[in-house]
Amino acid sequence: MNHVDLTACIAELSPLRYTPAGIPAVNFILVHESEVLEAGSARQVKLTVKAVAFGTLAEQAVQLTLGKVFRFTGFLMSARTSKGVVFHIQALHPEIPAEQVLNPI
């Protein structure tokens, strides 16, 4: 299964473009920072990843605010023109800071 959920900040957002088939597309650079537990030790995680969205999601994404944190859902795919991967975004939701959550569990 190739499924990714990532909370990240939008560092860069390209202007809306169209594929040769006429599908709206937008490219992102996402930045993630967190702390995770690995082998019993806390580890700082810092990640910058290229991402892309297509269709109506791309049209909505060009309205997003740089620097704002979102929860992105999608899948990873090899980049066409270079080494590495591209995160293909299928959904995104604003991330609510913990201090704003009512009745946290």
N, C-alpha and C. Protein backbone atom coordinates (compact mmCIF):
# COMPACT_ATOMS: atom_id res chain seq x y z
N MET A 1 0.85 -1.18 0.00
CA MET A 1 0.00 0.00 0.00
C MET A 1 0.89 1.24 0.00
N ASN A 2 0.52 2.22 -0.77
CA ASN A 2 1.25 3.48 -0.88
C ASN A 2 0.29 4.59 -0.44
N HIS A 3 0.32 4.91 0.86
CA HIS A 3 -0.58 5.91 1.43
C HIS A 3 0.22 6.76 2.41
N VAL A 4 0.16 8.08 2.26
CA VAL A 4 0.92 8.98 3.11
C VAL A 4 -0.02 10.01 3.73
N ASP A 5 0.10 10.19 5.05
CA ASP A 5 -0.52 11.30 5.78
C ASP A 5 0.61 12.11 6.34
N LEU A 6 0.64 13.40 6.04
CA LEU A 6 1.75 14.24 6.47
C LEU A 6 1.23 15.61 6.91
N THR A 7 1.62 16.02 8.09
CA THR A 7 1.34 17.37 8.54
C THR A 7 2.56 18.20 8.16
N ALA A 8 2.33 19.26 7.39
CA ALA A 8 3.45 20.04 6.87
C ALA A 8 3.02 21.48 6.61
N CYS A 9 4.02 22.32 6.49
CA CYS A 9 3.85 23.74 6.18
C CYS A 9 4.11 23.93 4.68
N ILE A 10 3.34 24.79 4.05
CA ILE A 10 3.55 25.09 2.64
C ILE A 10 4.67 26.13 2.55
N ALA A 11 5.83 25.70 2.04
CA ALA A 11 6.97 26.61 1.91
C ALA A 11 6.95 27.34 0.57
N GLU A 12 6.54 26.63 -0.48
CA GLU A 12 6.44 27.22 -1.82
C GLU A 12 5.21 26.67 -2.51
N LEU A 13 4.61 27.50 -3.33
CA LEU A 13 3.41 27.12 -4.09
C LEU A 13 3.51 27.77 -5.47
N SER A 14 3.53 26.95 -6.51
CA SER A 14 3.68 27.49 -7.87
C SER A 14 2.35 28.06 -8.37
N PRO A 15 2.41 28.89 -9.40
CA PRO A 15 1.16 29.34 -10.02
C PRO A 15 0.44 28.15 -10.65
N LEU A 16 -0.85 28.26 -10.80
CA LEU A 16 -1.65 27.22 -11.43
C LEU A 16 -1.18 27.05 -12.88
N ARG A 17 -1.03 25.80 -13.29
CA ARG A 17 -0.66 25.47 -14.66
C ARG A 17 -1.62 24.40 -15.16
N TYR A 18 -1.48 24.04 -16.41
CA TYR A 18 -2.35 23.00 -16.99
C TYR A 18 -1.48 21.96 -17.68
N THR A 19 -1.84 20.70 -17.49
CA THR A 19 -1.14 19.61 -18.17
C THR A 19 -1.50 19.66 -19.66
N PRO A 20 -0.75 18.92 -20.51
CA PRO A 20 -1.12 18.88 -21.93
C PRO A 20 -2.56 18.39 -22.16
N ALA A 21 -3.09 17.62 -21.21
CA ALA A 21 -4.48 17.15 -21.33
C ALA A 21 -5.49 18.18 -20.80
N GLY A 22 -4.99 19.33 -20.34
CA GLY A 22 -5.88 20.39 -19.87
C GLY A 22 -6.28 20.28 -18.41
N ILE A 23 -5.61 19.44 -17.64
CA ILE A 23 -5.94 19.26 -16.23
C ILE A 23 -5.17 20.29 -15.39
N PRO A 24 -5.85 21.03 -14.51
CA PRO A 24 -5.16 21.99 -13.64
C PRO A 24 -4.15 21.26 -12.74
N ALA A 25 -3.01 21.90 -12.51
CA ALA A 25 -1.97 21.32 -11.65
C ALA A 25 -1.25 22.44 -10.91
N VAL A 26 -0.76 22.11 -9.71
CA VAL A 26 0.03 23.06 -8.93
C VAL A 26 1.11 22.27 -8.19
N ASN A 27 2.31 22.84 -8.15
CA ASN A 27 3.43 22.22 -7.45
C ASN A 27 3.65 22.89 -6.10
N PHE A 28 4.05 22.09 -5.13
CA PHE A 28 4.31 22.56 -3.77
C PHE A 28 5.72 22.18 -3.35
N ILE A 29 6.25 22.89 -2.40
CA ILE A 29 7.36 22.43 -1.58
C ILE A 29 6.80 22.44 -0.16
N LEU A 30 6.81 21.28 0.49
CA LEU A 30 6.29 21.14 1.84
C LEU A 30 7.43 20.92 2.81
N VAL A 31 7.30 21.49 4.01
CA VAL A 31 8.31 21.33 5.06
C VAL A 31 7.63 20.77 6.30
N HIS A 32 8.22 19.71 6.83
CA HIS A 32 7.69 19.04 8.01
C HIS A 32 8.77 19.01 9.09
N GLU A 33 8.38 19.29 10.33
CA GLU A 33 9.26 19.16 11.48
C GLU A 33 8.48 18.54 12.62
N SER A 34 9.06 17.52 13.25
CA SER A 34 8.39 16.89 14.39
C SER A 34 9.43 16.12 15.21
N GLU A 35 8.94 15.52 16.26
CA GLU A 35 9.77 14.64 17.08
C GLU A 35 9.05 13.31 17.17
N VAL A 36 9.77 12.22 16.90
CA VAL A 36 9.19 10.88 16.97
C VAL A 36 10.06 10.01 17.86
N LEU A 37 9.46 8.94 18.33
CA LEU A 37 10.18 7.97 19.15
C LEU A 37 10.65 6.85 18.23
N GLU A 38 11.96 6.61 18.22
CA GLU A 38 12.54 5.55 17.39
C GLU A 38 13.52 4.75 18.23
N ALA A 39 13.30 3.45 18.33
CA ALA A 39 14.15 2.55 19.11
C ALA A 39 14.33 3.07 20.54
N GLY A 40 13.25 3.62 21.11
CA GLY A 40 13.27 4.08 22.48
C GLY A 40 13.86 5.46 22.71
N SER A 41 14.29 6.12 21.64
CA SER A 41 14.89 7.46 21.78
C SER A 41 14.10 8.48 20.96
N ALA A 42 14.03 9.69 21.50
CA ALA A 42 13.39 10.79 20.77
C ALA A 42 14.28 11.21 19.61
N ARG A 43 13.67 11.43 18.46
CA ARG A 43 14.44 11.83 17.29
C ARG A 43 13.77 13.01 16.62
N GLN A 44 14.54 14.04 16.30
CA GLN A 44 14.04 15.20 15.56
C GLN A 44 13.93 14.83 14.09
N VAL A 45 12.78 15.11 13.51
CA VAL A 45 12.55 14.81 12.10
C VAL A 45 12.36 16.13 11.36
N LYS A 46 13.14 16.33 10.32
CA LYS A 46 12.98 17.49 9.44
C LYS A 46 12.97 16.97 8.02
N LEU A 47 11.97 17.41 7.24
CA LEU A 47 11.78 16.87 5.90
C LEU A 47 11.28 17.97 4.98
N THR A 48 11.86 18.04 3.80
CA THR A 48 11.35 18.90 2.73
C THR A 48 11.01 17.98 1.58
N VAL A 49 9.81 18.12 1.04
CA VAL A 49 9.36 17.22 -0.02
C VAL A 49 8.65 17.99 -1.12
N LYS A 50 8.90 17.56 -2.37
CA LYS A 50 8.17 18.11 -3.51
C LYS A 50 6.80 17.45 -3.54
N ALA A 51 5.78 18.23 -3.90
CA ALA A 51 4.43 17.70 -3.96
C ALA A 51 3.69 18.32 -5.14
N VAL A 52 2.61 17.66 -5.54
CA VAL A 52 1.79 18.14 -6.65
C VAL A 52 0.33 17.79 -6.38
N ALA A 53 -0.56 18.65 -6.86
CA ALA A 53 -2.00 18.39 -6.79
C ALA A 53 -2.59 18.67 -8.17
N PHE A 54 -3.63 17.92 -8.51
CA PHE A 54 -4.28 18.05 -9.82
C PHE A 54 -5.77 18.31 -9.66
N GLY A 55 -6.39 18.79 -10.73
CA GLY A 55 -7.84 18.96 -10.78
C GLY A 55 -8.35 20.08 -9.90
N THR A 56 -9.55 19.88 -9.34
CA THR A 56 -10.15 20.92 -8.51
C THR A 56 -9.33 21.19 -7.25
N LEU A 57 -8.63 20.18 -6.77
CA LEU A 57 -7.76 20.39 -5.61
C LEU A 57 -6.65 21.39 -5.95
N ALA A 58 -6.10 21.31 -7.14
CA ALA A 58 -5.08 22.27 -7.58
C ALA A 58 -5.66 23.67 -7.67
N GLU A 59 -6.87 23.78 -8.20
CA GLU A 59 -7.52 25.10 -8.31
C GLU A 59 -7.76 25.71 -6.94
N GLN A 60 -8.11 24.89 -5.96
CA GLN A 60 -8.32 25.37 -4.59
C GLN A 60 -6.99 25.69 -3.92
N ALA A 61 -5.97 24.89 -4.20
CA ALA A 61 -4.68 25.02 -3.52
C ALA A 61 -3.98 26.35 -3.81
N VAL A 62 -4.18 26.91 -4.99
CA VAL A 62 -3.51 28.18 -5.30
C VAL A 62 -3.98 29.32 -4.40
N GLN A 63 -5.08 29.12 -3.68
CA GLN A 63 -5.60 30.13 -2.75
C GLN A 63 -4.98 29.99 -1.34
N LEU A 64 -4.22 28.92 -1.10
CA LEU A 64 -3.70 28.64 0.24
C LEU A 64 -2.61 29.62 0.65
N THR A 65 -2.46 29.78 1.96
CA THR A 65 -1.49 30.71 2.52
C THR A 65 -0.15 30.02 2.76
N LEU A 66 0.92 30.62 2.25
CA LEU A 66 2.25 30.10 2.52
C LEU A 66 2.53 30.16 4.02
N GLY A 67 3.21 29.15 4.53
CA GLY A 67 3.56 29.13 5.95
C GLY A 67 2.51 28.51 6.84
N LYS A 68 1.31 28.26 6.31
CA LYS A 68 0.25 27.66 7.10
C LYS A 68 0.42 26.14 7.11
N VAL A 69 0.03 25.52 8.23
CA VAL A 69 0.17 24.08 8.38
C VAL A 69 -1.13 23.37 7.98
N PHE A 70 -0.97 22.31 7.18
CA PHE A 70 -2.09 21.50 6.71
C PHE A 70 -1.76 20.02 6.93
N ARG A 71 -2.79 19.21 6.92
CA ARG A 71 -2.62 17.77 6.91
C ARG A 71 -2.88 17.32 5.47
N PHE A 72 -1.86 16.74 4.86
CA PHE A 72 -1.92 16.30 3.47
C PHE A 72 -2.05 14.78 3.41
N THR A 73 -2.87 14.29 2.49
CA THR A 73 -3.04 12.87 2.28
C THR A 73 -2.81 12.58 0.80
N GLY A 74 -2.10 11.50 0.51
CA GLY A 74 -1.85 11.14 -0.88
C GLY A 74 -0.95 9.93 -0.99
N PHE A 75 -0.12 9.93 -2.04
CA PHE A 75 0.78 8.80 -2.28
C PHE A 75 2.10 9.31 -2.86
N LEU A 76 3.12 8.48 -2.82
CA LEU A 76 4.43 8.83 -3.35
C LEU A 76 4.65 8.19 -4.71
N MET A 77 5.36 8.91 -5.58
CA MET A 77 5.66 8.41 -6.92
C MET A 77 7.04 8.92 -7.32
N SER A 78 7.75 8.14 -8.11
CA SER A 78 9.05 8.59 -8.60
C SER A 78 8.89 9.86 -9.42
N ALA A 79 9.85 10.77 -9.25
CA ALA A 79 9.84 12.00 -10.03
C ALA A 79 10.17 11.67 -11.48
N ARG A 80 9.54 12.33 -12.42
CA ARG A 80 9.76 12.05 -13.84
C ARG A 80 11.11 12.54 -14.35
N THR A 81 11.52 13.73 -13.91
CA THR A 81 12.70 14.36 -14.50
C THR A 81 13.94 14.31 -13.63
N SER A 82 13.82 13.81 -12.42
CA SER A 82 14.99 13.79 -11.54
C SER A 82 14.88 12.63 -10.57
N LYS A 83 15.94 12.43 -9.82
CA LYS A 83 15.91 11.41 -8.78
C LYS A 83 15.03 11.89 -7.64
N GLY A 84 14.52 10.96 -6.88
CA GLY A 84 13.69 11.32 -5.73
C GLY A 84 12.24 10.96 -5.96
N VAL A 85 11.41 11.46 -5.05
CA VAL A 85 9.98 11.17 -5.10
C VAL A 85 9.17 12.46 -5.09
N VAL A 86 7.94 12.34 -5.53
CA VAL A 86 6.99 13.45 -5.48
C VAL A 86 5.76 12.95 -4.72
N PHE A 87 5.30 13.74 -3.77
CA PHE A 87 4.11 13.44 -2.99
C PHE A 87 2.90 13.94 -3.79
N HIS A 88 2.07 13.03 -4.27
CA HIS A 88 0.86 13.38 -5.01
C HIS A 88 -0.27 13.57 -4.00
N ILE A 89 -0.72 14.80 -3.85
CA ILE A 89 -1.72 15.15 -2.84
C ILE A 89 -3.12 14.86 -3.38
N GLN A 90 -3.88 14.12 -2.58
CA GLN A 90 -5.26 13.79 -2.94
C GLN A 90 -6.28 14.50 -2.04
N ALA A 91 -5.82 14.96 -0.88
CA ALA A 91 -6.70 15.71 0.04
C ALA A 91 -5.83 16.54 0.96
N LEU A 92 -6.39 17.65 1.44
CA LEU A 92 -5.69 18.46 2.43
C LEU A 92 -6.71 19.12 3.33
N HIS A 93 -6.30 19.30 4.59
CA HIS A 93 -7.17 19.89 5.60
C HIS A 93 -6.33 20.81 6.48
N PRO A 94 -6.87 21.96 6.88
CA PRO A 94 -6.13 22.82 7.81
C PRO A 94 -5.85 22.06 9.11
N GLU A 95 -4.67 22.23 9.65
CA GLU A 95 -4.31 21.60 10.92
C GLU A 95 -4.68 22.57 12.04
N ILE A 96 -5.43 22.08 13.01
CA ILE A 96 -5.86 22.92 14.14
C ILE A 96 -4.82 22.77 15.25
N PRO A 97 -4.20 23.89 15.68
CA PRO A 97 -3.24 23.80 16.77
C PRO A 97 -3.87 23.18 18.02
N ALA A 98 -3.09 22.39 18.77
CA ALA A 98 -3.60 21.67 19.94
C ALA A 98 -4.27 22.60 20.94
N GLU A 99 -3.76 23.81 21.11
CA GLU A 99 -4.35 24.72 22.08
C GLU A 99 -5.73 25.20 21.66
N GLN A 100 -6.12 25.00 20.39
CA GLN A 100 -7.44 25.41 19.93
C GLN A 100 -8.46 24.27 19.92
N VAL A 101 -8.01 23.05 20.21
CA VAL A 101 -8.91 21.91 20.21
C VAL A 101 -9.72 21.91 21.50
N LEU A 102 -11.06 21.84 21.36
CA LEU A 102 -11.91 21.79 22.53
C LEU A 102 -12.05 20.34 22.99
N ASN A 103 -12.04 20.13 24.29
CA ASN A 103 -12.20 18.80 24.89
C ASN A 103 -11.23 17.77 24.31
N PRO A 104 -9.91 18.04 24.35
CA PRO A 104 -8.97 17.05 23.84
C PRO A 104 -9.05 15.76 24.64
N ILE A 105 -8.80 14.66 23.98
CA ILE A 105 -8.87 13.35 24.63
C ILE A 105 -7.56 13.09 25.36
